[in-house]
Amino acid sequence: MIHEMRVYRCMPGRLPDLNKRFETITLKMWEKHGIRPVGFWTTVVGESNQDLHYMLEWKDLAERERVFGGFMIDPEWLQARAETEKNGPLVANITNTILAPTVYSKLR
C-alpha cells in the first residue's frame, strides 16, 4: 500500500470554492472511479491558510496511474471543473508526494 499526499495552494479567497467542489462534485466522481481518500485537512497554523491537504490510498503506482489518469480525462470531470472555474482558477499550484509506510506505521 502507498499513499499520496497532495497539497493544493488556492488562489486568494478561493479555498471555500475548492472545498465546495470536493464536497459536492469531486468525491462523487472519485467514488465512481474507485479513488480512495484517507482524509482532508486545511491549515490552521502554518505557511498558508489557503491550502488544502489531502491523502489518497493506492495499492501501488500502477493503480494510481490507471485510476487517477482515468479520472483526469473523464469528460464529466472536465466539464464540472470548467464550470467551477468559470470565474477563474481555484488552485494556484499543486504538489504531490508518493509515500511508502514504515514497518511501524499504523497506515500500511
C-alpha atoms as a PDB file:
ATOM      1  CA  MET A   1       0.000   0.000   0.000  1.00  0.00           C
ATOM      2  CA  ILE A   2       1.201   3.510  -0.801  1.00  0.00           C
ATOM      3  CA  HIS A   3      -0.267   6.905  -0.018  1.00  0.00           C
ATOM      4  CA  GLU A   4      -0.282  10.103  -1.993  1.00  0.00           C
ATOM      5  CA  MET A   5      -0.216  13.426  -0.166  1.00  0.00           C
ATOM      6  CA  ARG A   6      -1.492  16.257  -2.340  1.00  0.00           C
ATOM      7  CA  VAL A   7      -1.416  19.943  -1.380  1.00  0.00           C
ATOM      8  CA  TYR A   8      -3.482  22.490  -3.295  1.00  0.00           C
ATOM      9  CA  ARG A   9      -2.422  26.089  -2.810  1.00  0.00           C
ATOM     10  CA  CYS A  10      -5.560  28.060  -3.620  1.00  0.00           C
ATOM     11  CA  MET A  11      -5.866  31.363  -5.346  1.00  0.00           C
ATOM     12  CA  PRO A  12      -6.587  34.086  -2.755  1.00  0.00           C
ATOM     13  CA  GLY A  13     -10.078  33.664  -1.330  1.00  0.00           C
ATOM     14  CA  ARG A  14     -10.894  30.534  -3.385  1.00  0.00           C
ATOM     15  CA  LEU A  15     -10.420  27.829  -0.708  1.00  0.00           C
ATOM     16  CA  PRO A  16     -14.158  27.816   0.159  1.00  0.00           C
ATOM     17  CA  ASP A  17     -14.955  27.217  -3.525  1.00  0.00           C
ATOM     18  CA  LEU A  18     -12.444  24.363  -3.719  1.00  0.00           C
ATOM     19  CA  ASN A  19     -13.868  22.776  -0.553  1.00  0.00           C
ATOM     20  CA  LYS A  20     -17.372  23.037  -2.012  1.00  0.00           C
ATOM     21  CA  ARG A  21     -16.233  21.389  -5.258  1.00  0.00           C
ATOM     22  CA  PHE A  22     -14.704  18.472  -3.343  1.00  0.00           C
ATOM     23  CA  GLU A  23     -17.785  18.074  -1.152  1.00  0.00           C
ATOM     24  CA  THR A  24     -20.403  18.294  -3.912  1.00  0.00           C
ATOM     25  CA  ILE A  25     -18.647  17.057  -7.080  1.00  0.00           C
ATOM     26  CA  THR A  26     -15.175  15.565  -6.755  1.00  0.00           C
ATOM     27  CA  LEU A  27     -15.832  12.955  -4.061  1.00  0.00           C
ATOM     28  CA  LYS A  28     -18.785  11.509  -6.015  1.00  0.00           C
ATOM     29  CA  MET A  29     -16.644  11.248  -9.128  1.00  0.00           C
ATOM     30  CA  TRP A  30     -13.798   9.663  -7.170  1.00  0.00           C
ATOM     31  CA  GLU A  31     -16.197   7.036  -5.870  1.00  0.00           C
ATOM     32  CA  LYS A  32     -17.197   6.254  -9.461  1.00  0.00           C
ATOM     33  CA  HIS A  33     -13.540   5.810 -10.420  1.00  0.00           C
ATOM     34  CA  GLY A  34     -12.506   3.898  -7.278  1.00  0.00           C
ATOM     35  CA  ILE A  35     -10.275   6.607  -5.784  1.00  0.00           C
ATOM     36  CA  ARG A  36      -9.893   6.098  -2.035  1.00  0.00           C
ATOM     37  CA  PRO A  37      -9.389   9.256   0.032  1.00  0.00           C
ATOM     38  CA  VAL A  38      -7.861   8.847   3.501  1.00  0.00           C
ATOM     39  CA  GLY A  39      -8.504  12.372   4.786  1.00  0.00           C
ATOM     40  CA  PHE A  40      -8.591  16.099   4.074  1.00  0.00           C
ATOM     41  CA  TRP A  41      -7.064  18.943   6.075  1.00  0.00           C
ATOM     42  CA  THR A  42      -6.843  22.711   5.976  1.00  0.00           C
ATOM     43  CA  THR A  43      -4.051  24.681   7.602  1.00  0.00           C
ATOM     44  CA  VAL A  44      -4.762  26.223  10.998  1.00  0.00           C
ATOM     45  CA  VAL A  45      -1.169  27.236  11.746  1.00  0.00           C
ATOM     46  CA  GLY A  46       1.461  27.160   9.037  1.00  0.00           C
ATOM     47  CA  GLU A  47       2.774  28.762   5.910  1.00  0.00           C
ATOM     48  CA  SER A  48      -0.618  29.464   4.287  1.00  0.00           C
ATOM     49  CA  ASN A  49      -4.234  29.195   5.372  1.00  0.00           C
ATOM     50  CA  GLN A  50      -5.185  28.924   1.685  1.00  0.00           C
ATOM     51  CA  ASP A  51      -4.001  25.301   1.399  1.00  0.00           C
ATOM     52  CA  LEU A  52      -5.990  22.091   1.173  1.00  0.00           C
ATOM     53  CA  HIS A  53      -4.057  18.936   2.064  1.00  0.00           C
ATOM     54  CA  TYR A  54      -5.423  15.509   1.319  1.00  0.00           C
ATOM     55  CA  MET A  55      -4.214  11.934   1.216  1.00  0.00           C
ATOM     56  CA  LEU A  56      -5.190   9.120  -1.149  1.00  0.00           C
ATOM     57  CA  GLU A  57      -4.584   5.398  -0.723  1.00  0.00           C
ATOM     58  CA  TRP A  58      -3.318   3.194  -3.580  1.00  0.00           C
ATOM     59  CA  LYS A  59      -2.397  -0.480  -3.911  1.00  0.00           C
ATOM     60  CA  ASP A  60       0.649   0.516  -5.964  1.00  0.00           C
ATOM     61  CA  LEU A  61       1.868   3.058  -8.529  1.00  0.00           C
ATOM     62  CA  ALA A  62       0.257   1.146 -11.384  1.00  0.00           C
ATOM     63  CA  GLU A  63      -3.180   1.502  -9.774  1.00  0.00           C
ATOM     64  CA  ARG A  64      -2.558   5.187  -9.160  1.00  0.00           C
ATOM     65  CA  GLU A  65      -1.592   5.826 -12.779  1.00  0.00           C
ATOM     66  CA  ARG A  66      -4.517   3.871 -14.193  1.00  0.00           C
ATOM     67  CA  VAL A  67      -7.265   5.120 -11.861  1.00  0.00           C
ATOM     68  CA  PHE A  68      -6.225   8.751 -11.364  1.00  0.00           C
ATOM     69  CA  GLY A  69      -5.339   9.027 -15.050  1.00  0.00           C
ATOM     70  CA  GLY A  70      -8.825   7.848 -15.977  1.00  0.00           C
ATOM     71  CA  PHE A  71     -10.405  10.364 -13.624  1.00  0.00           C
ATOM     72  CA  MET A  72      -8.368  13.243 -15.035  1.00  0.00           C
ATOM     73  CA  ILE A  73      -9.668  12.634 -18.584  1.00  0.00           C
ATOM     74  CA  ASP A  74     -13.274  11.873 -17.615  1.00  0.00           C
ATOM     75  CA  PRO A  75     -15.442  14.257 -19.693  1.00  0.00           C
ATOM     76  CA  GLU A  76     -17.858  14.691 -16.763  1.00  0.00           C
ATOM     77  CA  TRP A  77     -14.975  15.808 -14.523  1.00  0.00           C
ATOM     78  CA  LEU A  78     -13.536  18.124 -17.187  1.00  0.00           C
ATOM     79  CA  GLN A  79     -16.932  19.774 -17.625  1.00  0.00           C
ATOM     80  CA  ALA A  80     -17.535  20.106 -13.873  1.00  0.00           C
ATOM     81  CA  ARG A  81     -14.063  21.536 -13.289  1.00  0.00           C
ATOM     82  CA  ALA A  82     -14.519  24.062 -16.097  1.00  0.00           C
ATOM     83  CA  GLU A  83     -17.892  25.113 -14.680  1.00  0.00           C
ATOM     84  CA  THR A  84     -16.469  25.658 -11.177  1.00  0.00           C
ATOM     85  CA  GLU A  85     -13.615  27.707 -12.639  1.00  0.00           C
ATOM     86  CA  LYS A  86     -15.676  29.962 -14.918  1.00  0.00           C
ATOM     87  CA  ASN A  87     -14.747  32.911 -12.649  1.00  0.00           C
ATOM     88  CA  GLY A  88     -11.075  31.957 -12.654  1.00  0.00           C
ATOM     89  CA  PRO A  89      -8.915  29.128 -11.372  1.00  0.00           C
ATOM     90  CA  LEU A  90      -9.371  27.836  -7.836  1.00  0.00           C
ATOM     91  CA  VAL A  91      -5.839  26.482  -7.446  1.00  0.00           C
ATOM     92  CA  ALA A  92      -2.550  28.316  -7.963  1.00  0.00           C
ATOM     93  CA  ASN A  93      -0.368  25.209  -7.750  1.00  0.00           C
ATOM     94  CA  ILE A  94      -0.440  21.554  -6.704  1.00  0.00           C
ATOM     95  CA  THR A  95       2.260  19.484  -5.091  1.00  0.00           C
ATOM     96  CA  ASN A  96       2.061  15.770  -4.582  1.00  0.00           C
ATOM     97  CA  THR A  97       4.232  13.249  -2.835  1.00  0.00           C
ATOM     98  CA  ILE A  98       4.012   9.461  -3.005  1.00  0.00           C
ATOM     99  CA  LEU A  99       4.687   7.923   0.409  1.00  0.00           C
ATOM    100  CA  ALA A 100       5.526   4.362   1.453  1.00  0.00           C
ATOM    101  CA  PRO A 101       4.743   3.363   5.047  1.00  0.00           C
ATOM    102  CA  THR A 102       7.400   2.363   7.536  1.00  0.00           C
ATOM    103  CA  VAL A 103       7.117  -1.013   9.246  1.00  0.00           C
ATOM    104  CA  TYR A 104       5.885   0.717  12.410  1.00  0.00           C
ATOM    105  CA  SER A 105       3.230   2.894  10.709  1.00  0.00           C
ATOM    106  CA  LYS A 106      -0.435   2.478  11.653  1.00  0.00           C
ATOM    107  CA  LEU A 107      -1.325   3.098   7.998  1.00  0.00           C
ATOM    108  CA  ARG A 108       0.082   0.281   5.875  1.00  0.00           C
END
